[in-house]
Amino acid sequence: MSEKSRKNSSKKLDELILVDCVSYTVVSLILAFLSFFDLVMGINPRVLFQLFAVTTLICFLMYLTSFLPIESPWAEMLVSLADVGVVVLGVGGGIFRWFPWQAKYIWMVSGVFVIVYFITYGIILLQNKIASDQINRILQKKRREQK
């Protein structure tokens, strides 16, 4: 693996760790809100650990699929959404039995994970914009100092 490839891989991994933290937080808050109104099961430590396992597995799958030769940002987004769906429905619904396999629950869970995906995506875009602006300010300051 080349040095550039290793740095890109490390950068992607760092970003996915941030995605894991943000998505875990967002989905926890949404579930807390929904459980407050008795729309979903209550949140307990077991569910929180399972939730963390699911968000981490999603990020691991996203890391693996990030190596696919996808050029389109829209196609990349669809693959990421598929990563989320496979893990939430397969692990959350199948292994952890978070919800019954009935159409109304699958639609509700799918709606929640799509909302969480786009909130997380927006937060990551915002964070990247802030970092980019900071880098640009530093570069502009260095250019002015060199003149």
Protein backbone atom coordinates (compact mmCIF):
# COMPACT_ATOMS: atom_id res chain seq x y z
CA MET A 1 0.00 0.00 0.00
CA SER A 2 1.47 3.37 -1.01
CA GLU A 3 1.92 6.24 1.44
CA LYS A 4 -0.81 8.28 -0.31
CA SER A 5 -3.20 5.33 -0.28
CA ARG A 6 -2.48 4.72 3.40
CA LYS A 7 -3.17 8.40 4.23
CA ASN A 8 -6.44 8.35 2.26
CA SER A 9 -7.46 5.14 4.01
CA SER A 10 -6.59 6.64 7.40
CA LYS A 11 -8.52 9.83 6.58
CA LYS A 12 -11.56 7.79 5.53
CA LEU A 13 -11.34 5.75 8.72
CA ASP A 14 -11.13 8.93 10.82
CA GLU A 15 -14.20 10.32 9.05
CA LEU A 16 -16.12 7.09 9.62
CA ILE A 17 -15.31 7.15 13.33
CA LEU A 18 -16.86 10.62 13.41
CA VAL A 19 -19.84 9.29 11.42
CA ASP A 20 -20.20 6.49 13.98
CA CYS A 21 -20.26 8.94 16.90
CA VAL A 22 -22.65 11.37 15.21
CA SER A 23 -25.04 8.69 13.97
CA TYR A 24 -25.08 6.95 17.36
CA THR A 25 -25.92 10.26 19.03
CA VAL A 26 -28.60 11.21 16.50
CA VAL A 27 -30.33 7.82 16.56
CA SER A 28 -30.16 7.71 20.38
CA LEU A 29 -31.86 11.10 20.60
CA ILE A 30 -34.53 10.12 18.06
CA LEU A 31 -35.22 6.85 19.90
CA ALA A 32 -35.37 8.68 23.24
CA PHE A 33 -37.89 11.11 21.77
CA LEU A 34 -39.97 8.31 20.24
CA SER A 35 -39.87 6.22 23.44
CA PHE A 36 -41.01 9.27 25.42
CA PHE A 37 -44.26 9.02 23.43
CA ASP A 38 -44.32 5.20 23.67
CA LEU A 39 -43.79 4.87 19.92
CA VAL A 40 -40.81 2.52 20.31
CA MET A 41 -39.49 0.20 22.98
CA GLY A 42 -37.87 1.76 26.00
CA ILE A 43 -34.17 2.44 25.90
CA ASN A 44 -32.04 0.36 28.27
CA PRO A 45 -28.30 -0.38 28.49
CA ARG A 46 -28.61 -3.55 26.37
CA VAL A 47 -30.30 -1.63 23.55
CA LEU A 48 -27.70 1.15 23.76
CA PHE A 49 -24.86 -1.35 23.41
CA GLN A 50 -26.65 -3.05 20.53
CA LEU A 51 -27.20 0.32 18.92
CA PHE A 52 -23.51 1.12 19.21
CA ALA A 53 -22.66 -2.27 17.68
CA VAL A 54 -25.01 -1.54 14.77
CA THR A 55 -23.66 1.97 14.09
CA THR A 56 -20.10 0.65 14.28
CA LEU A 57 -20.88 -2.24 11.94
CA ILE A 58 -22.48 0.22 9.50
CA CYS A 59 -19.31 2.32 9.53
CA PHE A 60 -17.15 -0.76 9.00
CA LEU A 61 -19.29 -1.77 6.01
CA MET A 62 -19.11 1.81 4.68
CA TYR A 63 -15.33 1.65 5.03
CA LEU A 64 -15.22 -1.54 2.97
CA THR A 65 -17.60 -0.25 0.30
CA SER A 66 -15.65 3.03 0.08
CA PHE A 67 -13.05 1.07 -1.89
CA LEU A 68 -15.55 0.29 -4.66
CA PRO A 69 -14.77 2.19 -7.86
CA ILE A 70 -17.77 4.52 -7.68
CA GLU A 71 -17.46 7.86 -9.45
CA SER A 72 -20.88 9.40 -8.88
CA PRO A 73 -21.60 11.04 -5.50
CA TRP A 74 -25.25 10.00 -5.89
CA ALA A 75 -24.30 6.36 -6.46
CA GLU A 76 -21.94 6.55 -3.49
CA MET A 77 -24.79 7.90 -1.36
CA LEU A 78 -27.08 5.05 -2.48
CA VAL A 79 -24.41 2.48 -1.62
CA SER A 80 -24.00 4.08 1.82
CA LEU A 81 -27.76 4.01 2.37
CA ALA A 82 -27.77 0.35 1.33
CA ASP A 83 -24.98 -0.28 3.87
CA VAL A 84 -27.17 1.27 6.56
CA GLY A 85 -30.26 -0.65 5.46
CA VAL A 86 -28.53 -4.01 5.34
CA VAL A 87 -27.15 -3.65 8.86
CA VAL A 88 -30.20 -2.04 10.49
CA LEU A 89 -32.66 -4.47 8.97
CA GLY A 90 -30.40 -7.52 9.07
CA VAL A 91 -28.70 -7.10 12.42
CA GLY A 92 -31.14 -4.79 14.22
CA GLY A 93 -34.29 -6.50 12.99
CA GLY A 94 -32.95 -9.98 12.43
CA ILE A 95 -30.40 -10.68 15.14
CA PHE A 96 -31.39 -8.19 17.86
CA ARG A 97 -35.12 -8.45 17.11
CA TRP A 98 -35.71 -4.73 17.57
CA PHE A 99 -38.90 -4.86 15.55
CA PRO A 100 -41.27 -7.44 14.06
CA TRP A 101 -40.88 -8.27 10.38
CA GLN A 102 -44.09 -6.59 9.30
CA ALA A 103 -44.31 -4.01 6.52
CA LYS A 104 -45.40 -1.11 8.75
CA TYR A 105 -42.45 -1.61 11.10
CA ILE A 106 -39.96 -2.07 8.26
CA TRP A 107 -41.21 1.19 6.70
CA MET A 108 -41.00 3.01 10.04
CA VAL A 109 -37.49 1.73 10.77
CA SER A 110 -36.41 2.54 7.21
CA GLY A 111 -37.77 6.07 7.61
CA VAL A 112 -35.82 6.53 10.83
CA PHE A 113 -32.55 5.26 9.37
CA VAL A 114 -32.94 7.47 6.28
CA ILE A 115 -33.56 10.50 8.52
CA VAL A 116 -30.54 9.60 10.68
CA TYR A 117 -28.43 9.10 7.55
CA PHE A 118 -29.22 12.55 6.16
CA ILE A 119 -28.83 14.33 9.51
CA THR A 120 -25.45 12.63 9.95
CA TYR A 121 -24.49 13.43 6.35
CA GLY A 122 -25.40 17.09 6.91
CA ILE A 123 -23.40 17.30 10.14
CA ILE A 124 -20.36 15.74 8.46
CA LEU A 125 -20.65 18.17 5.52
CA LEU A 126 -20.85 21.07 7.96
CA GLN A 127 -17.84 19.79 9.89
CA ASN A 128 -15.86 19.40 6.65
CA LYS A 129 -16.81 22.94 5.59
CA ILE A 130 -15.67 24.35 8.93
CA ALA A 131 -12.35 22.47 8.69
CA SER A 132 -11.90 23.62 5.08
CA ASP A 133 -12.57 27.25 6.03
CA GLN A 134 -10.03 27.04 8.85
CA ILE A 135 -7.39 25.61 6.51
CA ASN A 136 -8.10 28.32 3.93
CA ARG A 137 -7.77 31.06 6.58
CA ILE A 138 -4.39 29.63 7.66
CA LEU A 139 -3.19 29.46 4.05
CA GLN A 140 -4.36 33.02 3.33
CA LYS A 141 -2.57 34.27 6.45
CA LYS A 142 0.65 32.54 5.40
CA ARG A 143 0.40 34.03 1.89
CA ARG A 144 -0.07 37.52 3.34
CA GLU A 145 2.91 37.02 5.63
CA GLN A 146 5.11 35.96 2.70
CA LYS A 147 4.37 39.14 0.75
